[in-house]
Amino acid sequence: YGARISLTIGLLGVAMSFVLGIVIGGLAGYRGGTFDLIVQRI
């Protein structure tokens, strides 16, 4: 029973970090400038 929680929490967490990493990293790399500097400091 515990496998259901432990395995799915990894998938959901990676899905969230995947979306955040692609969106924020993509905008920072494509736009550059001030937004890139702010993202890098964060």
Full PDB file with SEQRES, HELIX, SHEET, SSBOND, CRYST1, ORIGX, SCALE, CONECT and MASTER records, all heavy atoms in Angstrom:
SEQRES   1 A   42  TYR GLY ALA ARG ILE SER LEU THR ILE GLY LEU LEU GLY          
SEQRES   2 A   42  VAL ALA MET SER PHE VAL LEU GLY ILE VAL ILE GLY GLY          
SEQRES   3 A   42  LEU ALA GLY TYR ARG GLY GLY THR PHE ASP LEU ILE VAL          
SEQRES   4 A   42  GLN ARG ILE                                                  
HELIX    1 AA1 GLY A    2  ARG A   31  1                                  30    
HELIX    2 AA2 GLY A   33  ARG A   41  1                                   9    
CRYST1    1.000    1.000    1.000  90.00  90.00  90.00 P 1           1          
ORIGX1      1.000000  0.000000  0.000000        0.00000                         
ORIGX2      0.000000  1.000000  0.000000        0.00000                         
ORIGX3      0.000000  0.000000  1.000000        0.00000                         
SCALE1      1.000000  0.000000  0.000000        0.00000                         
SCALE2      0.000000  1.000000  0.000000        0.00000                         
SCALE3      0.000000  0.000000  1.000000        0.00000                         
ATOM      1  N   TYR A   1       0.826  -1.205   0.000  1.00  0.00           N  
ATOM      2  CA  TYR A   1       0.000   0.000   0.000  1.00  0.00           C  
ATOM      3  C   TYR A   1       0.867   1.264   0.000  1.00  0.00           C  
ATOM      4  O   TYR A   1       0.525   2.260  -0.639  1.00  0.00           O  
ATOM      5  CB  TYR A   1      -0.916   0.008   1.230  1.00  0.00           C  
ATOM      6  CG  TYR A   1      -2.201  -0.759   1.064  1.00  0.00           C  
ATOM      7  CD1 TYR A   1      -2.314  -2.068   1.526  1.00  0.00           C  
ATOM      8  CD2 TYR A   1      -3.307  -0.187   0.465  1.00  0.00           C  
ATOM      9  CE1 TYR A   1      -3.498  -2.777   1.389  1.00  0.00           C  
ATOM     10  CE2 TYR A   1      -4.493  -0.884   0.311  1.00  0.00           C  
ATOM     11  CZ  TYR A   1      -4.584  -2.182   0.786  1.00  0.00           C  
ATOM     12  OH  TYR A   1      -5.760  -2.883   0.641  1.00  0.00           O  
ATOM     13  N   GLY A   2       1.967   1.245   0.737  1.00  0.00           N  
ATOM     14  CA  GLY A   2       2.835   2.420   0.808  1.00  0.00           C  
ATOM     15  C   GLY A   2       3.517   2.747  -0.501  1.00  0.00           C  
ATOM     16  O   GLY A   2       3.901   3.896  -0.736  1.00  0.00           O  
ATOM     17  N   ALA A   3       3.684   1.746  -1.377  1.00  0.00           N  
ATOM     18  CA  ALA A   3       4.314   2.000  -2.675  1.00  0.00           C  
ATOM     19  C   ALA A   3       3.500   2.987  -3.494  1.00  0.00           C  
ATOM     20  O   ALA A   3       4.060   3.772  -4.267  1.00  0.00           O  
ATOM     21  CB  ALA A   3       4.480   0.684  -3.436  1.00  0.00           C  
ATOM     22  N   ARG A   4       2.176   2.971  -3.350  1.00  0.00           N  
ATOM     23  CA  ARG A   4       1.334   3.875  -4.130  1.00  0.00           C  
ATOM     24  C   ARG A   4       1.666   5.331  -3.813  1.00  0.00           C  
ATOM     25  O   ARG A   4       1.749   6.169  -4.713  1.00  0.00           O  
ATOM     26  CB  ARG A   4      -0.137   3.583  -3.841  1.00  0.00           C  
ATOM     27  CG  ARG A   4      -1.105   4.544  -4.498  1.00  0.00           C  
ATOM     28  CD  ARG A   4      -2.537   4.127  -4.257  1.00  0.00           C  
ATOM     29  NE  ARG A   4      -2.864   2.907  -4.981  1.00  0.00           N  
ATOM     30  CZ  ARG A   4      -4.024   2.259  -4.841  1.00  0.00           C  
ATOM     31  NH1 ARG A   4      -4.929   2.705  -3.993  1.00  0.00           N  
ATOM     32  NH2 ARG A   4      -4.265   1.168  -5.556  1.00  0.00           N  
ATOM     33  N   ILE A   5       1.874   5.661  -2.558  1.00  0.00           N  
ATOM     34  CA  ILE A   5       2.175   7.041  -2.168  1.00  0.00           C  
ATOM     35  C   ILE A   5       3.621   7.388  -2.489  1.00  0.00           C  
ATOM     36  O   ILE A   5       3.912   8.429  -3.093  1.00  0.00           O  
ATOM     37  CB  ILE A   5       1.887   7.250  -0.672  1.00  0.00           C  
ATOM     38  CG1 ILE A   5       0.406   6.987  -0.375  1.00  0.00           C  
ATOM     39  CG2 ILE A   5       2.291   8.643  -0.235  1.00  0.00           C  
ATOM     40  CD1 ILE A   5      -0.541   7.939  -1.055  1.00  0.00           C  
ATOM     41  N   SER A   6       4.549   6.528  -2.107  1.00  0.00           N  
ATOM     42  CA  SER A   6       5.971   6.851  -2.268  1.00  0.00           C  
ATOM     43  C   SER A   6       6.367   6.974  -3.734  1.00  0.00           C  
ATOM     44  O   SER A   6       7.220   7.801  -4.083  1.00  0.00           O  
ATOM     45  CB  SER A   6       6.828   5.780  -1.579  1.00  0.00           C  
ATOM     46  OG  SER A   6       6.638   5.805  -0.175  1.00  0.00           O  
ATOM     47  N   LEU A   7       5.781   6.168  -4.600  1.00  0.00           N  
ATOM     48  CA  LEU A   7       6.153   6.221  -6.016  1.00  0.00           C  
ATOM     49  C   LEU A   7       5.465   7.359  -6.752  1.00  0.00           C  
ATOM     50  O   LEU A   7       6.057   7.983  -7.635  1.00  0.00           O  
ATOM     51  CB  LEU A   7       5.824   4.885  -6.688  1.00  0.00           C  
ATOM     52  CG  LEU A   7       6.633   3.675  -6.214  1.00  0.00           C  
ATOM     53  CD1 LEU A   7       6.180   2.409  -6.924  1.00  0.00           C  
ATOM     54  CD2 LEU A   7       8.116   3.888  -6.427  1.00  0.00           C  
ATOM     55  N   THR A   8       4.212   7.644  -6.414  1.00  0.00           N  
ATOM     56  CA  THR A   8       3.504   8.713  -7.126  1.00  0.00           C  
ATOM     57  C   THR A   8       3.961  10.091  -6.678  1.00  0.00           C  
ATOM     58  O   THR A   8       3.915  11.045  -7.473  1.00  0.00           O  
ATOM     59  CB  THR A   8       1.992   8.582  -6.920  1.00  0.00           C  
ATOM     60  OG1 THR A   8       1.690   8.546  -5.514  1.00  0.00           O  
ATOM     61  CG2 THR A   8       1.472   7.326  -7.583  1.00  0.00           C  
ATOM     62  N   ILE A   9       4.400  10.228  -5.438  1.00  0.00           N  
ATOM     63  CA  ILE A   9       4.839  11.549  -4.980  1.00  0.00           C  
ATOM     64  C   ILE A   9       6.102  11.968  -5.728  1.00  0.00           C  
ATOM     65  O   ILE A   9       6.333  13.158  -5.967  1.00  0.00           O  
ATOM     66  CB  ILE A   9       5.054  11.559  -3.453  1.00  0.00           C  
ATOM     67  CG1 ILE A   9       4.975  12.990  -2.913  1.00  0.00           C  
ATOM     68  CG2 ILE A   9       6.388  10.927  -3.060  1.00  0.00           C  
ATOM     69  CD1 ILE A   9       4.926  13.069  -1.406  1.00  0.00           C  
ATOM     70  N   GLY A  10       6.931  10.999  -6.126  1.00  0.00           N  
ATOM     71  CA  GLY A  10       8.109  11.334  -6.926  1.00  0.00           C  
ATOM     72  C   GLY A  10       7.729  11.807  -8.313  1.00  0.00           C  
ATOM     73  O   GLY A  10       8.296  12.778  -8.828  1.00  0.00           O  
ATOM     74  N   LEU A  11       6.736  11.152  -8.936  1.00  0.00           N  
ATOM     75  CA  LEU A  11       6.306  11.561 -10.270  1.00  0.00           C  
ATOM     76  C   LEU A  11       5.663  12.937 -10.256  1.00  0.00           C  
ATOM     77  O   LEU A  11       5.926  13.776 -11.130  1.00  0.00           O  
ATOM     78  CB  LEU A  11       5.328  10.529 -10.836  1.00  0.00           C  
ATOM     79  CG  LEU A  11       5.904   9.157 -11.201  1.00  0.00           C  
ATOM     80  CD1 LEU A  11       4.809   8.273 -11.775  1.00  0.00           C  
ATOM     81  CD2 LEU A  11       7.046   9.289 -12.187  1.00  0.00           C  
ATOM     82  N   LEU A  12       4.801  13.199  -9.266  1.00  0.00           N  
ATOM     83  CA  LEU A  12       4.137  14.499  -9.207  1.00  0.00           C  
ATOM     84  C   LEU A  12       5.136  15.619  -8.918  1.00  0.00           C  
ATOM     85  O   LEU A  12       5.059  16.707  -9.494  1.00  0.00           O  
ATOM     86  CB  LEU A  12       3.046  14.470  -8.131  1.00  0.00           C  
ATOM     87  CG  LEU A  12       1.849  13.548  -8.418  1.00  0.00           C  
ATOM     88  CD1 LEU A  12       0.880  13.549  -7.250  1.00  0.00           C  
ATOM     89  CD2 LEU A  12       1.145  13.978  -9.692  1.00  0.00           C  
ATOM     90  N   GLY A  13       6.093  15.341  -8.019  1.00  0.00           N  
ATOM     91  CA  GLY A  13       7.100  16.357  -7.723  1.00  0.00           C  
ATOM     92  C   GLY A  13       7.974  16.668  -8.922  1.00  0.00           C  
ATOM     93  O   GLY A  13       8.277  17.837  -9.196  1.00  0.00           O  
ATOM     94  N   VAL A  14       8.364  15.633  -9.668  1.00  0.00           N  
ATOM     95  CA  VAL A  14       9.186  15.854 -10.856  1.00  0.00           C  
ATOM     96  C   VAL A  14       8.387  16.582 -11.931  1.00  0.00           C  
ATOM     97  O   VAL A  14       8.925  17.437 -12.643  1.00  0.00           O  
ATOM     98  CB  VAL A  14       9.731  14.514 -11.373  1.00  0.00           C  
ATOM     99  CG1 VAL A  14      10.271  14.657 -12.777  1.00  0.00           C  
ATOM    100  CG2 VAL A  14      10.835  14.015 -10.459  1.00  0.00           C  
ATOM    101  N   ALA A  15       7.096  16.255 -12.065  1.00  0.00           N  
ATOM    102  CA  ALA A  15       6.271  16.955 -13.056  1.00  0.00           C  
ATOM    103  C   ALA A  15       6.213  18.449 -12.757  1.00  0.00           C  
ATOM    104  O   ALA A  15       6.311  19.292 -13.658  1.00  0.00           O  
ATOM    105  CB  ALA A  15       4.865  16.355 -13.077  1.00  0.00           C  
ATOM    106  N   MET A  16       6.073  18.790 -11.464  1.00  0.00           N  
ATOM    107  CA  MET A  16       6.033  20.211 -11.099  1.00  0.00           C  
ATOM    108  C   MET A  16       7.385  20.884 -11.349  1.00  0.00           C  
ATOM    109  O   MET A  16       7.446  21.980 -11.935  1.00  0.00           O  
ATOM    110  CB  MET A  16       5.632  20.356  -9.634  1.00  0.00           C  
ATOM    111  CG  MET A  16       5.581  21.788  -9.146  1.00  0.00           C  
ATOM    112  SD  MET A  16       4.961  21.890  -7.473  1.00  0.00           S  
ATOM    113  CE  MET A  16       3.302  21.288  -7.706  1.00  0.00           C  
ATOM    114  N   SER A  17       8.470  20.257 -10.916  1.00  0.00           N  
ATOM    115  CA  SER A  17       9.789  20.852 -11.138  1.00  0.00           C  
ATOM    116  C   SER A  17      10.123  20.899 -12.628  1.00  0.00           C  
ATOM    117  O   SER A  17      10.814  21.816 -13.090  1.00  0.00           O  
ATOM    118  CB  SER A  17      10.855  20.055 -10.380  1.00  0.00           C  
ATOM    119  OG  SER A  17      10.999  18.752 -10.923  1.00  0.00           O  
ATOM    120  N   PHE A  18       9.632  19.932 -13.397  1.00  0.00           N  
ATOM    121  CA  PHE A  18       9.862  19.901 -14.844  1.00  0.00           C  
ATOM    122  C   PHE A  18       9.223  21.128 -15.499  1.00  0.00           C  
ATOM    123  O   PHE A  18       9.847  21.808 -16.319  1.00  0.00           O  
ATOM    124  CB  PHE A  18       9.265  18.617 -15.413  1.00  0.00           C  
ATOM    125  CG  PHE A  18       9.833  18.210 -16.742  1.00  0.00           C  
ATOM    126  CD1 PHE A  18      11.121  17.711 -16.833  1.00  0.00           C  
ATOM    127  CD2 PHE A  18       9.090  18.319 -17.894  1.00  0.00           C  
ATOM    128  CE1 PHE A  18      11.645  17.323 -18.056  1.00  0.00           C  
ATOM    129  CE2 PHE A  18       9.598  17.938 -19.114  1.00  0.00           C  
ATOM    130  CZ  PHE A  18      10.888  17.433 -19.195  1.00  0.00           C  
ATOM    131  N   VAL A  19       7.974  21.411 -15.133  1.00  0.00           N  
ATOM    132  CA  VAL A  19       7.279  22.561 -15.715  1.00  0.00           C  
ATOM    133  C   VAL A  19       7.957  23.868 -15.302  1.00  0.00           C  
ATOM    134  O   VAL A  19       8.212  24.753 -16.134  1.00  0.00           O  
ATOM    135  CB  VAL A  19       5.801  22.548 -15.294  1.00  0.00           C  
ATOM    136  CG1 VAL A  19       5.105  23.833 -15.727  1.00  0.00           C  
ATOM    137  CG2 VAL A  19       5.090  21.342 -15.889  1.00  0.00           C  
ATOM    138  N   LEU A  20       8.272  23.999 -13.996  1.00  0.00           N  
ATOM    139  CA  LEU A  20       8.915  25.227 -13.525  1.00  0.00           C  
ATOM    140  C   LEU A  20      10.280  25.416 -14.178  1.00  0.00           C  
ATOM    141  O   LEU A  20      10.638  26.525 -14.592  1.00  0.00           O  
ATOM    142  CB  LEU A  20       9.054  25.186 -12.003  1.00  0.00           C  
ATOM    143  CG  LEU A  20       7.767  25.318 -11.188  1.00  0.00           C  
ATOM    144  CD1 LEU A  20       8.059  25.139  -9.707  1.00  0.00           C  
ATOM    145  CD2 LEU A  20       7.103  26.662 -11.437  1.00  0.00           C  
ATOM    146  N   GLY A  21      11.070  24.342 -14.264  1.00  0.00           N  
ATOM    147  CA  GLY A  21      12.409  24.456 -14.834  1.00  0.00           C  
ATOM    148  C   GLY A  21      12.382  24.834 -16.301  1.00  0.00           C  
ATOM    149  O   GLY A  21      13.167  25.688 -16.748  1.00  0.00           O  
ATOM    150  N   ILE A  22      11.460  24.241 -17.075  1.00  0.00           N  
ATOM    151  CA  ILE A  22      11.402  24.547 -18.504  1.00  0.00           C  
ATOM    152  C   ILE A  22      10.895  25.968 -18.734  1.00  0.00           C  
ATOM    153  O   ILE A  22      11.452  26.720 -19.552  1.00  0.00           O  
ATOM    154  CB  ILE A  22      10.511  23.523 -19.225  1.00  0.00           C  
ATOM    155  CG1 ILE A  22      11.211  22.166 -19.268  1.00  0.00           C  
ATOM    156  CG2 ILE A  22      10.179  23.990 -20.631  1.00  0.00           C  
ATOM    157  CD1 ILE A  22      10.397  21.078 -19.931  1.00  0.00           C  
ATOM    158  N   VAL A  23       9.845  26.374 -18.012  1.00  0.00           N  
ATOM    159  CA  VAL A  23       9.264  27.705 -18.231  1.00  0.00           C  
ATOM    160  C   VAL A  23      10.228  28.799 -17.789  1.00  0.00           C  
ATOM    161  O   VAL A  23      10.559  29.721 -18.562  1.00  0.00           O  
ATOM    162  CB  VAL A  23       7.920  27.821 -17.493  1.00  0.00           C  
ATOM    163  CG1 VAL A  23       7.408  29.255 -17.557  1.00  0.00           C  
ATOM    164  CG2 VAL A  23       6.898  26.873 -18.102  1.00  0.00           C  
ATOM    165  N   ILE A  24      10.713  28.703 -16.556  1.00  0.00           N  
ATOM    166  CA  ILE A  24      11.585  29.765 -16.032  1.00  0.00           C  
ATOM    167  C   ILE A  24      12.939  29.748 -16.736  1.00  0.00           C  
ATOM    168  O   ILE A  24      13.456  30.796 -17.158  1.00  0.00           O  
ATOM    169  CB  ILE A  24      11.750  29.609 -14.515  1.00  0.00           C  
ATOM    170  CG1 ILE A  24      10.387  29.751 -13.828  1.00  0.00           C  
ATOM    171  CG2 ILE A  24      12.724  30.641 -13.963  1.00  0.00           C  
ATOM    172  CD1 ILE A  24      10.424  29.535 -12.332  1.00  0.00           C  
ATOM    173  N   GLY A  25      13.541  28.564 -16.870  1.00  0.00           N  
ATOM    174  CA  GLY A  25      14.828  28.484 -17.557  1.00  0.00           C  
ATOM    175  C   GLY A  25      14.729  28.848 -19.022  1.00  0.00           C  
ATOM    176  O   GLY A  25      15.639  29.491 -19.573  1.00  0.00           O  
ATOM    177  N   GLY A  26      13.616  28.473 -19.678  1.00  0.00           N  
ATOM    178  CA  GLY A  26      13.448  28.821 -21.082  1.00  0.00           C  
ATOM    179  C   GLY A  26      13.319  30.318 -21.303  1.00  0.00           C  
ATOM    180  O   GLY A  26      13.948  30.889 -22.205  1.00  0.00           O  
ATOM    181  N   LEU A  27      12.526  30.986 -20.462  1.00  0.00           N  
ATOM    182  CA  LEU A  27      12.381  32.442 -20.597  1.00  0.00           C  
ATOM    183  C   LEU A  27      13.685  33.155 -20.277  1.00  0.00           C  
ATOM    184  O   LEU A  27      14.052  34.138 -20.931  1.00  0.00           O  
ATOM    185  CB  LEU A  27      11.264  32.927 -19.676  1.00  0.00           C  
ATOM    186  CG  LEU A  27       9.837  32.524 -20.069  1.00  0.00           C  
ATOM    187  CD1 LEU A  27       8.848  32.982 -19.013  1.00  0.00           C  
ATOM    188  CD2 LEU A  27       9.477  33.117 -21.432  1.00  0.00           C  
ATOM    189  N   ALA A  28      14.413  32.662 -19.250  1.00  0.00           N  
ATOM    190  CA  ALA A  28      15.679  33.302 -18.898  1.00  0.00           C  
ATOM    191  C   ALA A  28      16.707  33.149 -20.004  1.00  0.00           C  
ATOM    192  O   ALA A  28      17.455  34.090 -20.314  1.00  0.00           O  
ATOM    193  CB  ALA A  28      16.207  32.710 -17.588  1.00  0.00           C  
ATOM    194  N   GLY A  29      16.764  31.960 -20.620  1.00  0.00           N  
ATOM    195  CA  GLY A  29      17.749  31.746 -21.671  1.00  0.00           C  
ATOM    196  C   GLY A  29      17.392  32.434 -22.969  1.00  0.00           C  
ATOM    197  O   GLY A  29      18.282  32.899 -23.697  1.00  0.00           O  
ATOM    198  N   TYR A  30      16.101  32.541 -23.288  1.00  0.00           N  
ATOM    199  CA  TYR A  30      15.698  33.136 -24.557  1.00  0.00           C  
ATOM    200  C   TYR A  30      15.632  34.657 -24.466  1.00  0.00           C  
ATOM    201  O   TYR A  30      16.073  35.358 -25.383  1.00  0.00           O  
ATOM    202  CB  TYR A  30      14.338  32.581 -24.973  1.00  0.00           C  
ATOM    203  CG  TYR A  30      13.861  33.077 -26.313  1.00  0.00           C  
ATOM    204  CD1 TYR A  30      14.430  32.595 -27.486  1.00  0.00           C  
ATOM    205  CD2 TYR A  30      12.854  34.032 -26.407  1.00  0.00           C  
ATOM    206  CE1 TYR A  30      14.002  33.045 -28.719  1.00  0.00           C  
ATOM    207  CE2 TYR A  30      12.416  34.488 -27.629  1.00  0.00           C  
ATOM    208  CZ  TYR A  30      12.987  34.000 -28.786  1.00  0.00           C  
ATOM    209  OH  TYR A  30      12.572  34.456 -30.011  1.00  0.00           O  
ATOM    210  N   ARG A  31      15.100  35.164 -23.367  1.00  0.00           N  
ATOM    211  CA  ARG A  31      14.970  36.606 -23.221  1.00  0.00           C  
ATOM    212  C   ARG A  31      16.279  37.259 -22.794  1.00  0.00           C  
ATOM    213  O   ARG A  31      16.687  38.294 -23.341  1.00  0.00           O  
ATOM    214  CB  ARG A  31      13.879  36.925 -22.194  1.00  0.00           C  
ATOM    215  CG  ARG A  31      12.466  36.682 -22.691  1.00  0.00           C  
ATOM    216  CD  ARG A  31      12.109  37.665 -23.763  1.00  0.00           C  
ATOM    217  NE  ARG A  31      10.694  37.560 -24.147  1.00  0.00           N  
ATOM    218  CZ  ARG A  31      10.140  38.292 -25.097  1.00  0.00           C  
ATOM    219  NH1 ARG A  31      10.877  39.150 -25.782  1.00  0.00           N  
ATOM    220  NH2 ARG A  31       8.866  38.134 -25.397  1.00  0.00           N  
ATOM    221  N   GLY A  32      16.936  36.659 -21.785  1.00  0.00           N  
ATOM    222  CA  GLY A  32      18.163  37.257 -21.265  1.00  0.00           C  
ATOM    223  C   GLY A  32      17.864  38.560 -20.533  1.00  0.00           C  
ATOM    224  O   GLY A  32      16.751  38.797 -20.059  1.00  0.00           O  
ATOM    225  N   GLY A  33      18.856  39.397 -20.405  1.00  0.00           N  
ATOM    226  CA  GLY A  33      18.662  40.716 -19.817  1.00  0.00           C  
ATOM    227  C   GLY A  33      18.386  40.672 -18.332  1.00  0.00           C  
ATOM    228  O   GLY A  33      18.908  39.818 -17.590  1.00  0.00           O  
ATOM    229  N   THR A  34      17.541  41.591 -17.866  1.00  0.00           N  
ATOM    230  CA  THR A  34      17.255  41.729 -16.436  1.00  0.00           C  
ATOM    231  C   THR A  34      16.569  40.488 -15.881  1.00  0.00           C  
ATOM    232  O   THR A  34      16.871  40.041 -14.763  1.00  0.00           O  
ATOM    233  CB  THR A  34      16.379  42.973 -16.194  1.00  0.00           C  
ATOM    234  OG1 THR A  34      17.029  44.120 -16.755  1.00  0.00           O  
ATOM    235  CG2 THR A  34      16.155  43.187 -14.708  1.00  0.00           C  
ATOM    236  N   PHE A  35      15.631  39.935 -16.647  1.00  0.00           N  
ATOM    237  CA  PHE A  35      14.927  38.741 -16.175  1.00  0.00           C  
ATOM    238  C   PHE A  35      15.900  37.587 -15.946  1.00  0.00           C  
ATOM    239  O   PHE A  35      15.792  36.862 -14.946  1.00  0.00           O  
ATOM    240  CB  PHE A  35      13.857  38.335 -17.191  1.00  0.00           C  
ATOM    241  CG  PHE A  35      13.041  37.150 -16.780  1.00  0.00           C  
ATOM    242  CD1 PHE A  35      12.033  37.274 -15.837  1.00  0.00           C  
ATOM    243  CD2 PHE A  35      13.291  35.893 -17.325  1.00  0.00           C  
ATOM    244  CE1 PHE A  35      11.285  36.174 -15.449  1.00  0.00           C  
ATOM    245  CE2 PHE A  35      12.546  34.795 -16.949  1.00  0.00           C  
ATOM    246  CZ  PHE A  35      11.536  34.935 -16.005  1.00  0.00           C  
ATOM    247  N   ASP A  36      16.860  37.423 -16.825  1.00  0.00           N  
ATOM    248  CA  ASP A  36      17.859  36.364 -16.668  1.00  0.00           C  
ATOM    249  C   ASP A  36      18.694  36.596 -15.416  1.00  0.00           C  
ATOM    250  O   ASP A  36      18.983  35.654 -14.665  1.00  0.00           O  
ATOM    251  CB  ASP A  36      18.741  36.311 -17.911  1.00  0.00           C  
ATOM    252  CG  ASP A  36      19.758  35.181 -17.851  1.00  0.00           C  
ATOM    253  OD1 ASP A  36      19.480  34.175 -17.180  1.00  0.00           O  
ATOM    254  OD2 ASP A  36      20.827  35.310 -18.466  1.00  0.00           O  
ATOM    255  N   LEU A  37      19.081  37.840 -15.163  1.00  0.00           N  
ATOM    256  CA  LEU A  37      19.872  38.143 -13.963  1.00  0.00           C  
ATOM    257  C   LEU A  37      19.090  37.844 -12.695  1.00  0.00           C  
ATOM    258  O   LEU A  37      19.628  37.276 -11.727  1.00  0.00           O  
ATOM    259  CB  LEU A  37      20.301  39.616 -13.981  1.00  0.00           C  
ATOM    260  CG  LEU A  37      21.326  40.008 -15.053  1.00  0.00           C  
ATOM    261  CD1 LEU A  37      21.578  41.506 -15.016  1.00  0.00           C  
ATOM    262  CD2 LEU A  37      22.621  39.240 -14.854  1.00  0.00           C  
ATOM    263  N   ILE A  38      17.810  38.203 -12.663  1.00  0.00           N  
ATOM    264  CA  ILE A  38      16.991  37.947 -11.477  1.00  0.00           C  
ATOM    265  C   ILE A  38      16.835  36.452 -11.238  1.00  0.00           C  
ATOM    266  O   ILE A  38      16.967  35.957 -10.110  1.00  0.00           O  
ATOM    267  CB  ILE A  38      15.617  38.634 -11.627  1.00  0.00           C  
ATOM    268  CG1 ILE A  38      15.777  40.154 -11.667  1.00  0.00           C  
ATOM    269  CG2 ILE A  38      14.685  38.226 -10.489  1.00  0.00           C  
ATOM    270  CD1 ILE A  38      14.492  40.898 -11.944  1.00  0.00           C  
ATOM    271  N   VAL A  39      16.554  35.710 -12.315  1.00  0.00           N  
ATOM    272  CA  VAL A  39      16.390  34.266 -12.181  1.00  0.00           C  
ATOM    273  C   VAL A  39      17.675  33.611 -11.697  1.00  0.00           C  
ATOM    274  O   VAL A  39      17.650  32.733 -10.820  1.00  0.00           O  
ATOM    275  CB  VAL A  39      15.937  33.655 -13.528  1.00  0.00           C  
ATOM    276  CG1 VAL A  39      16.014  32.125 -13.484  1.00  0.00           C  
ATOM    277  CG2 VAL A  39      14.525  34.095 -13.861  1.00  0.00           C  
ATOM    278  N   GLN A  40      18.810  34.022 -12.220  1.00  0.00           N  
ATOM    279  CA  GLN A  40      20.075  33.431 -11.796  1.00  0.00           C  
ATOM    280  C   GLN A  40      20.371  33.695 -10.328  1.00  0.00           C  
ATOM    281  O   GLN A  40      20.883  32.835  -9.612  1.00  0.00           O  
ATOM    282  CB  GLN A  40      21.216  33.962 -12.671  1.00  0.00           C  
ATOM    283  CG  GLN A  40      21.185  33.450 -14.104  1.00  0.00           C  
ATOM    284  CD  GLN A  40      21.147  31.936 -14.166  1.00  0.00           C  
ATOM    285  OE1 GLN A  40      22.030  31.253 -13.671  1.00  0.00           O  
ATOM    286  NE2 GLN A  40      20.090  31.412 -14.766  1.00  0.00           N  
ATOM    287  N   ARG A  41      20.043  34.909  -9.848  1.00  0.00           N  
ATOM    288  CA  ARG A  41      20.275  35.206  -8.441  1.00  0.00           C  
ATOM    289  C   ARG A  41      19.352  34.377  -7.548  1.00  0.00           C  
ATOM    290  O   ARG A  41      19.767  33.903  -6.482  1.00  0.00           O  
ATOM    291  CB  ARG A  41      20.043  36.696  -8.179  1.00  0.00           C  
ATOM    292  CG  ARG A  41      20.940  37.638  -8.962  1.00  0.00           C  
ATOM    293  CD  ARG A  41      22.434  37.496  -8.633  1.00  0.00           C  
ATOM    294  NE  ARG A  41      23.091  36.434  -9.343  1.00  0.00           N  
ATOM    295  CZ  ARG A  41      23.438  36.490 -10.623  1.00  0.00           C  
ATOM    296  NH1 ARG A  41      23.177  37.551 -11.359  1.00  0.00           N  
ATOM    297  NH2 ARG A  41      24.075  35.472 -11.186  1.00  0.00           N  
ATOM    298  N   ILE A  42      18.096  34.189  -7.976  1.00  0.00           N  
ATOM    299  CA  ILE A  42      17.177  33.360  -7.192  1.00  0.00           C  
ATOM    300  C   ILE A  42      17.667  31.920  -7.139  1.00  0.00           C  
ATOM    301  O   ILE A  42      17.651  31.269  -6.079  1.00  0.00           O  
ATOM    302  CB  ILE A  42      15.756  33.437  -7.798  1.00  0.00           C  
ATOM    303  CG1 ILE A  42      15.185  34.852  -7.648  1.00  0.00           C  
ATOM    304  CG2 ILE A  42      14.832  32.422  -7.128  1.00  0.00           C  
ATOM    305  CD1 ILE A  42      13.845  35.039  -8.314  1.00  0.00           C  
TER     306      ILE A  42                                                      
MASTER        0    0    0    2    0    0    0    6  305    1    0    4          
END                                                                             
